[in-house]
Amino acid sequence: MLGGGDPRRMSMDVDAAAQLSINSRALVVSAPALSHVGEDIPYMVPRQDMQNGAHNQQAESISNNSKKLQDDLHELGEKIKHHEDNVKYLKTLKNKLEESILEMQVALGKYDKASFSRTVNKDPALVKSEEETIDHILKHENSAAALLSRMKSQAEALSSDHSLTKDVIGIVATLGKVDDDNLSRLFSEHLGLETMLAVVCKTYEGVKALEAYNKEGSIDKNSGLHAFAASIGRPLADRFLVICLEDIRPYSGEIIADDPQRRLTLLKPRLLNGEHPPGFLGFAVNMITIDSTNLYCFSKNGHSLRETLFYHLFSDLQVYKSREDMLNALSCIRNGAISLDGGMIRSRGVFSLGHHH
């Protein structure tokens, strides 16, 4: 009953209620801490495992980059090889074209005269004519060349002893010319006076006609050229050279096709690196112009003057623009060279120094 309840009971209920209230607060206060028990807690990876993973990823990245670089280098190497092959092909093509150009230049008689280091003498009045050459020969009065030139110019002497000269083609100095005064002087200096005044015969019979011997082996002054020299009071003073075409070993290569001057097919020299030497102008033997009267003067064996006489005299003598060009090409000079500024190499290892008066 409400009005008549036991006071102690009421006191107990109040205490219980108060205790319950306190416990309720305790539960409320502790609830947040307990709520973590039921939630998922993240797994903490050990530091060593994390480092190993990072290292593996880094190594894999380096490996991929390295492979990419290797692939790029291989591709670059292939491109370089391709370009090198192209350069090699183009150099080979260039060399072939240069040789073809040289052959055409030789056929046309052109030697890049515009690039000569000295002024090229193109004035026809200054080019030695055959008459001027003979005048120079006649100045050597007691030479065989002068005597034979007199015989040729004097009809009486020629008709009186025709057998003496019928096999004689001429004097070296009169059988070819160069259309440049400076180059002509250099060629003459290279050959020397004795060779320039040499007598040229077709056969050995012509050589025997010029000089005979007695039983003792001495010269018979009453026959041959010696007899003619004595008859005009100009005895031969010294020895003289006679070149016999049939005994000369001729050029064995090809002749430039359709070249009216019948020039020789000689390959341009090459340096050790395969390039043609700078300043090379041509070969002396092909720079000689042979007069039309002697152009088809063949030896007994059917070879022209260029193939016999001039190849014998000059071989593959090279001509260069300057002394510097010539000296830079020493490695590919076999049988001598000259330069337009006066340089001269007689043969391999033999240099002609100083200057010509």
Protein backbone atom coordinates (compact mmCIF):
# COMPACT_ATOMS: atom_id res chain seq x y z
CA MET A 1 0.00 0.00 0.00
CA LEU A 2 1.27 3.44 -0.73
CA GLY A 3 0.38 5.07 2.37
CA GLY A 4 1.41 2.39 4.79
CA GLY A 5 4.58 0.86 3.31
CA ASP A 6 7.56 -0.25 5.32
CA PRO A 7 9.98 2.65 5.73
CA ARG A 8 12.98 0.32 5.51
CA ARG A 9 11.79 -1.10 2.25
CA MET A 10 11.60 2.26 0.77
CA SER A 11 15.06 3.08 1.99
CA MET A 12 16.41 -0.07 0.37
CA ASP A 13 14.71 0.72 -2.90
CA VAL A 14 16.21 4.18 -2.92
CA ASP A 15 19.69 2.78 -2.27
CA ALA A 16 19.20 0.20 -5.00
CA ALA A 17 18.02 2.84 -7.38
CA ALA A 18 21.00 5.01 -6.57
CA GLN A 19 23.35 2.06 -7.04
CA LEU A 20 21.71 1.25 -10.31
CA SER A 21 22.12 4.81 -11.43
CA ILE A 22 25.79 4.78 -10.55
CA ASN A 23 26.32 1.44 -12.33
CA SER A 24 24.50 2.78 -15.34
CA ARG A 25 26.91 5.67 -15.52
CA ALA A 26 29.76 3.29 -15.19
CA LEU A 27 28.46 1.32 -18.11
CA VAL A 28 28.03 4.46 -20.17
CA VAL A 29 31.48 5.68 -19.31
CA SER A 30 33.19 2.37 -20.11
CA ALA A 31 31.22 1.68 -23.26
CA PRO A 32 33.55 3.54 -25.66
CA ALA A 33 36.52 1.53 -24.46
CA LEU A 34 34.76 -1.73 -24.87
CA SER A 35 33.42 -0.88 -28.29
CA HIS A 36 36.96 -1.36 -29.85
CA VAL A 37 36.94 -4.99 -29.02
CA GLY A 38 34.46 -5.86 -31.70
CA GLU A 39 36.07 -3.75 -34.54
CA ASP A 40 38.69 -4.94 -37.22
CA ILE A 41 42.21 -3.95 -36.24
CA PRO A 42 44.71 -3.40 -39.23
CA TYR A 43 47.62 -5.87 -39.60
CA MET A 44 50.92 -4.21 -38.88
CA VAL A 45 53.57 -5.39 -41.50
CA PRO A 46 57.01 -5.87 -40.04
CA ARG A 47 59.56 -3.21 -41.15
CA GLN A 48 61.98 -5.79 -42.63
CA ASP A 49 59.28 -7.17 -44.97
CA MET A 50 58.42 -3.67 -46.12
CA GLN A 51 62.05 -2.93 -46.95
CA ASN A 52 62.43 -6.17 -48.92
CA GLY A 53 59.35 -5.37 -50.98
CA ALA A 54 60.61 -1.90 -51.77
CA HIS A 55 63.97 -3.31 -52.81
CA ASN A 56 62.32 -5.86 -55.09
CA GLN A 57 60.22 -3.18 -56.77
CA GLN A 58 63.28 -0.98 -57.25
CA ALA A 59 65.31 -3.88 -58.72
CA GLU A 60 62.49 -4.75 -61.10
CA SER A 61 62.27 -1.09 -62.21
CA ILE A 62 66.06 -0.94 -62.81
CA SER A 63 65.93 -4.20 -64.75
CA ASN A 64 63.13 -2.88 -66.97
CA ASN A 65 64.97 0.38 -67.59
CA SER A 66 68.20 -1.47 -68.33
CA LYS A 67 66.47 -3.72 -70.86
CA LYS A 68 64.88 -0.69 -72.51
CA LEU A 69 68.28 1.01 -72.75
CA GLN A 70 69.80 -2.13 -74.24
CA ASP A 71 67.01 -2.30 -76.80
CA ASP A 72 67.50 1.39 -77.63
CA LEU A 73 71.27 0.93 -77.97
CA HIS A 74 70.78 -2.08 -80.24
CA GLU A 75 68.38 -0.10 -82.41
CA LEU A 76 70.83 2.82 -82.51
CA GLY A 77 73.66 0.45 -83.43
CA GLU A 78 71.63 -0.93 -86.32
CA LYS A 79 70.94 2.60 -87.54
CA ILE A 80 74.65 3.51 -87.32
CA LYS A 81 75.61 0.35 -89.21
CA HIS A 82 73.05 1.19 -91.87
CA HIS A 83 74.46 4.71 -92.25
CA GLU A 84 78.04 3.36 -92.34
CA ASP A 85 77.08 0.95 -95.11
CA ASN A 86 75.51 3.83 -97.01
CA VAL A 87 78.64 5.97 -96.59
CA LYS A 88 80.85 3.09 -97.76
CA TYR A 89 78.66 2.56 -100.81
CA LEU A 90 78.63 6.29 -101.63
CA LYS A 91 82.44 6.48 -101.31
CA THR A 92 82.81 3.55 -103.69
CA LEU A 93 80.39 5.18 -106.12
CA LYS A 94 82.25 8.50 -105.78
CA ASN A 95 85.59 6.86 -106.58
CA LYS A 96 84.15 5.17 -109.65
CA LEU A 97 82.61 8.42 -110.85
CA GLU A 98 85.91 10.27 -110.32
CA GLU A 99 87.76 7.67 -112.35
CA SER A 100 85.18 7.96 -115.12
CA ILE A 101 85.45 11.75 -115.03
CA LEU A 102 89.23 11.51 -115.25
CA GLU A 103 89.00 9.24 -118.24
CA MET A 104 86.65 11.67 -119.97
CA GLN A 105 88.92 14.60 -119.09
CA VAL A 106 91.89 12.74 -120.48
CA ALA A 107 89.93 11.96 -123.63
CA LEU A 108 89.14 15.64 -124.01
CA GLY A 109 92.66 16.74 -123.14
CA LYS A 110 91.56 18.71 -120.08
CA TYR A 111 93.58 18.80 -116.88
CA ASP A 112 91.91 21.44 -114.74
CA LYS A 113 94.27 24.11 -116.05
CA ALA A 114 92.20 26.82 -114.44
CA SER A 115 93.34 25.60 -111.02
CA PHE A 116 97.06 25.65 -111.76
CA SER A 117 98.97 27.45 -109.04
CA ARG A 118 100.86 29.42 -111.65
CA THR A 119 99.18 31.38 -114.38
CA VAL A 120 98.65 29.07 -117.30
CA ASN A 121 100.18 30.30 -120.50
CA LYS A 122 97.37 30.07 -123.05
CA ASP A 123 98.80 32.53 -125.55
CA PRO A 124 99.52 30.51 -128.72
CA ALA A 125 102.31 32.93 -129.59
CA LEU A 126 104.19 31.82 -126.47
CA VAL A 127 103.81 28.09 -127.08
CA LYS A 128 106.92 26.65 -128.63
CA SER A 129 106.36 25.78 -132.26
CA GLU A 130 108.22 23.03 -134.03
CA GLU A 131 110.38 25.64 -135.75
CA GLU A 132 111.37 27.16 -132.41
CA THR A 133 112.18 23.72 -131.06
CA ILE A 134 114.42 22.99 -134.05
CA ASP A 135 116.15 26.32 -133.57
CA HIS A 136 116.96 25.31 -129.99
CA ILE A 137 118.27 21.96 -131.20
CA LEU A 138 120.50 23.59 -133.83
CA LYS A 139 122.19 25.62 -131.10
CA HIS A 140 123.81 22.35 -129.99
CA GLU A 141 125.85 22.36 -133.20
CA ASN A 142 127.91 19.23 -132.72
CA SER A 143 125.05 17.04 -131.47
CA ALA A 144 123.55 14.18 -133.45
CA ALA A 145 120.13 15.85 -133.06
CA ALA A 146 121.41 19.05 -134.73
CA LEU A 147 123.07 17.11 -137.54
CA LEU A 148 119.94 15.07 -138.29
CA SER A 149 117.83 18.22 -138.16
CA ARG A 150 120.16 19.79 -140.74
CA MET A 151 119.85 16.72 -142.94
CA LYS A 152 116.08 16.92 -142.76
CA SER A 153 115.98 20.64 -143.59
CA GLN A 154 118.51 20.40 -146.42
CA ALA A 155 117.08 18.51 -149.34
CA GLU A 156 120.52 17.98 -150.84
CA ALA A 157 121.87 16.27 -147.77
CA LEU A 158 118.71 14.20 -147.34
CA SER A 159 118.75 12.99 -150.96
CA SER A 160 122.45 12.28 -150.90
CA ASP A 161 122.21 9.82 -148.02
CA HIS A 162 118.55 8.86 -147.64
CA SER A 163 119.36 5.46 -146.16
CA LEU A 164 120.81 7.16 -143.10
CA THR A 165 117.52 8.71 -142.04
CA LYS A 166 114.79 6.54 -143.55
CA ASP A 167 114.27 4.66 -140.28
CA VAL A 168 114.66 7.77 -138.09
CA ILE A 169 111.32 9.05 -136.76
CA GLY A 170 112.80 12.22 -135.29
CA ILE A 171 114.24 13.83 -132.17
CA VAL A 172 112.45 13.38 -128.85
CA ALA A 173 111.96 17.14 -128.44
CA THR A 174 110.10 17.37 -131.77
CA LEU A 175 107.79 14.35 -131.42
CA GLY A 176 105.47 15.75 -128.75
CA LYS A 177 104.43 19.07 -127.30
CA VAL A 178 102.64 20.46 -124.26
CA ASP A 179 100.23 23.34 -124.57
CA ASP A 180 101.56 25.02 -121.44
CA ASP A 181 104.94 26.72 -121.34
CA ASN A 182 105.59 26.05 -117.65
CA LEU A 183 104.63 22.39 -117.91
CA SER A 184 106.74 21.98 -121.05
CA ARG A 185 109.77 23.37 -119.22
CA LEU A 186 109.21 21.02 -116.28
CA PHE A 187 108.92 17.97 -118.54
CA SER A 188 112.11 18.96 -120.36
CA GLU A 189 113.95 19.41 -117.07
CA HIS A 190 112.72 16.06 -115.81
CA LEU A 191 113.94 14.24 -118.94
CA GLY A 192 117.21 16.14 -119.19
CA LEU A 193 118.99 17.58 -122.21
CA GLU A 194 120.56 14.32 -123.36
CA THR A 195 117.17 12.58 -123.54
CA MET A 196 115.48 15.57 -125.16
CA LEU A 197 118.13 15.41 -127.93
CA ALA A 198 117.87 11.64 -128.32
CA VAL A 199 117.32 10.20 -131.82
CA VAL A 200 114.31 7.91 -132.22
CA CYS A 201 114.41 5.00 -134.68
CA LYS A 202 111.73 2.44 -135.51
CA THR A 203 114.03 -0.58 -135.74
CA TYR A 204 117.51 -1.70 -134.83
CA GLU A 205 118.43 -1.47 -138.51
CA GLY A 206 118.07 2.28 -138.20
CA VAL A 207 120.36 2.29 -135.17
CA LYS A 208 123.04 0.38 -137.13
CA ALA A 209 122.75 2.83 -140.02
CA LEU A 210 123.73 5.73 -137.78
CA GLU A 211 127.01 4.27 -136.64
CA ALA A 212 129.31 1.54 -137.97
CA TYR A 213 132.51 -0.04 -136.62
CA ASN A 214 135.72 -1.32 -138.12
CA LYS A 215 137.35 -4.68 -137.48
CA GLU A 216 139.08 -3.37 -134.38
CA GLY A 217 135.74 -2.33 -132.91
CA SER A 218 136.39 1.40 -133.28
CA ILE A 219 133.90 3.81 -134.81
CA ASP A 220 134.13 4.04 -138.59
CA LYS A 221 134.27 7.78 -139.22
CA ASN A 222 133.65 7.20 -142.92
CA SER A 223 130.12 5.87 -142.54
CA GLY A 224 126.87 6.76 -140.90
CA LEU A 225 126.26 10.02 -139.13
CA HIS A 226 129.97 10.48 -138.43
CA ALA A 227 130.70 10.71 -142.15
CA PHE A 228 128.06 13.39 -142.63
CA ALA A 229 129.36 15.34 -139.61
CA ALA A 230 132.89 15.27 -141.02
CA SER A 231 131.66 16.40 -144.44
CA ILE A 232 130.24 19.65 -143.05
CA GLY A 233 133.10 20.22 -140.65
CA ARG A 234 131.11 19.55 -137.48
CA PRO A 235 132.36 16.27 -136.03
CA LEU A 236 130.30 14.68 -133.32
CA ALA A 237 131.74 15.79 -130.02
CA ASP A 238 130.14 13.40 -127.52
CA ARG A 239 128.05 10.30 -127.18
CA PHE A 240 124.41 10.55 -128.19
CA LEU A 241 121.34 8.56 -127.29
CA VAL A 242 119.36 6.55 -129.82
CA ILE A 243 116.01 5.03 -128.79
CA CYS A 244 114.88 1.97 -130.71
CA LEU A 245 111.11 1.53 -130.57
CA GLU A 246 111.03 -2.16 -131.42
CA ASP A 247 113.23 -2.95 -128.41
CA ILE A 248 111.19 -0.91 -125.92
CA ARG A 249 108.78 -2.74 -123.67
CA PRO A 250 105.47 -1.05 -124.52
CA TYR A 251 102.58 -0.10 -122.29
CA SER A 252 100.44 -3.21 -121.81
CA GLY A 253 97.18 -1.68 -120.63
CA GLU A 254 94.13 -0.35 -122.40
CA ILE A 255 93.80 2.72 -124.60
CA ILE A 256 91.01 5.20 -123.89
CA ALA A 257 88.24 4.38 -126.33
CA ASP A 258 87.51 6.90 -129.09
CA ASP A 259 90.34 9.18 -127.97
CA PRO A 260 91.98 10.64 -131.09
CA GLN A 261 95.22 11.12 -129.13
CA ARG A 262 95.19 7.46 -128.05
CA ARG A 263 95.83 8.27 -124.40
CA LEU A 264 96.50 5.52 -121.90
CA THR A 265 94.00 4.24 -119.37
CA LEU A 266 95.91 4.85 -116.14
CA LEU A 267 94.10 4.71 -112.80
CA LYS A 268 94.39 7.69 -110.52
CA PRO A 269 96.63 7.13 -107.49
CA ARG A 270 95.08 6.53 -104.08
CA LEU A 271 96.28 7.38 -100.61
CA LEU A 272 96.36 4.79 -97.82
CA ASN A 273 92.85 5.84 -96.80
CA GLY A 274 91.54 5.06 -100.29
CA GLU A 275 91.05 8.68 -101.29
CA HIS A 276 92.60 10.32 -104.36
CA PRO A 277 95.41 12.72 -103.41
CA PRO A 278 94.38 16.39 -103.44
CA GLY A 279 96.04 18.44 -106.16
CA PHE A 280 96.61 15.51 -108.52
CA LEU A 281 96.24 16.78 -112.10
CA GLY A 282 97.08 13.76 -114.23
CA PHE A 283 99.89 11.71 -115.74
CA ALA A 284 102.66 13.31 -117.78
CA VAL A 285 102.45 10.65 -120.49
CA ASN A 286 98.85 11.65 -121.22
CA MET A 287 99.59 15.38 -121.17
CA ILE A 288 101.79 15.12 -124.24
CA THR A 289 100.09 16.11 -127.49
CA ILE A 290 101.40 14.14 -130.45
CA ASP A 291 101.34 15.84 -133.82
CA SER A 292 98.98 14.30 -136.36
CA THR A 293 101.90 13.31 -138.61
CA ASN A 294 103.30 11.12 -135.82
CA LEU A 295 100.08 10.10 -134.09
CA TYR A 296 99.73 6.95 -136.14
CA CYS A 297 103.43 6.26 -136.32
CA PHE A 298 103.45 2.71 -135.05
CA SER A 299 106.37 0.54 -134.09
CA LYS A 300 107.13 -2.69 -135.89
CA ASN A 301 104.98 -4.43 -133.27
CA GLY A 302 102.01 -2.11 -133.84
CA HIS A 303 102.33 0.20 -130.83
CA SER A 304 102.00 3.99 -130.99
CA LEU A 305 104.55 6.56 -129.86
CA ARG A 306 102.62 7.12 -126.62
CA GLU A 307 102.65 3.41 -125.85
CA THR A 308 106.36 3.05 -126.60
CA LEU A 309 108.48 6.21 -126.58
CA PHE A 310 106.57 8.42 -124.15
CA TYR A 311 105.57 5.64 -121.78
CA HIS A 312 109.21 4.58 -121.72
CA LEU A 313 110.30 8.14 -120.90
CA PHE A 314 107.60 9.09 -118.41
CA SER A 315 106.03 5.82 -117.24
CA ASP A 316 103.33 6.91 -114.74
CA LEU A 317 105.02 10.18 -113.74
CA GLN A 318 102.40 12.12 -111.78
CA VAL A 319 101.68 15.85 -112.01
CA TYR A 320 100.48 17.85 -109.00
CA LYS A 321 99.23 21.37 -108.52
CA SER A 322 101.74 22.24 -105.78
CA ARG A 323 104.84 20.89 -104.07
CA GLU A 324 102.83 20.51 -100.87
CA ASP A 325 100.24 18.35 -102.66
CA MET A 326 103.02 16.24 -104.16
CA LEU A 327 104.79 15.66 -100.83
CA ASN A 328 101.51 14.79 -99.13
CA ALA A 329 101.01 12.07 -101.75
CA LEU A 330 104.41 10.36 -101.29
CA SER A 331 102.78 7.09 -100.26
CA CYS A 332 101.22 6.64 -103.71
CA ILE A 333 104.07 7.94 -105.91
CA ARG A 334 105.99 5.07 -107.50
CA ASN A 335 107.84 6.43 -110.51
CA GLY A 336 108.30 10.07 -109.75
CA ALA A 337 106.23 13.24 -109.78
CA ILE A 338 106.45 16.94 -110.54
CA SER A 339 104.47 19.94 -109.36
CA LEU A 340 103.62 23.12 -111.21
CA ASP A 341 105.56 25.22 -108.71
CA GLY A 342 108.80 23.38 -109.47
CA GLY A 343 108.76 20.36 -107.15
CA MET A 344 110.35 17.23 -108.58
CA ILE A 345 110.73 13.62 -107.47
CA ARG A 346 112.85 11.56 -109.87
CA SER A 347 111.81 8.19 -108.47
CA ARG A 348 110.82 6.71 -105.13
CA GLY A 349 113.19 8.18 -102.56
CA VAL A 350 115.08 10.36 -105.07
CA PHE A 351 114.29 14.08 -104.76
CA SER A 352 115.49 16.87 -107.01
CA LEU A 353 116.03 19.94 -104.84
CA GLY A 354 117.00 23.52 -105.59
CA HIS A 355 115.68 25.38 -108.63
CA HIS A 356 116.26 25.25 -112.35
CA HIS A 357 118.12 28.11 -114.07
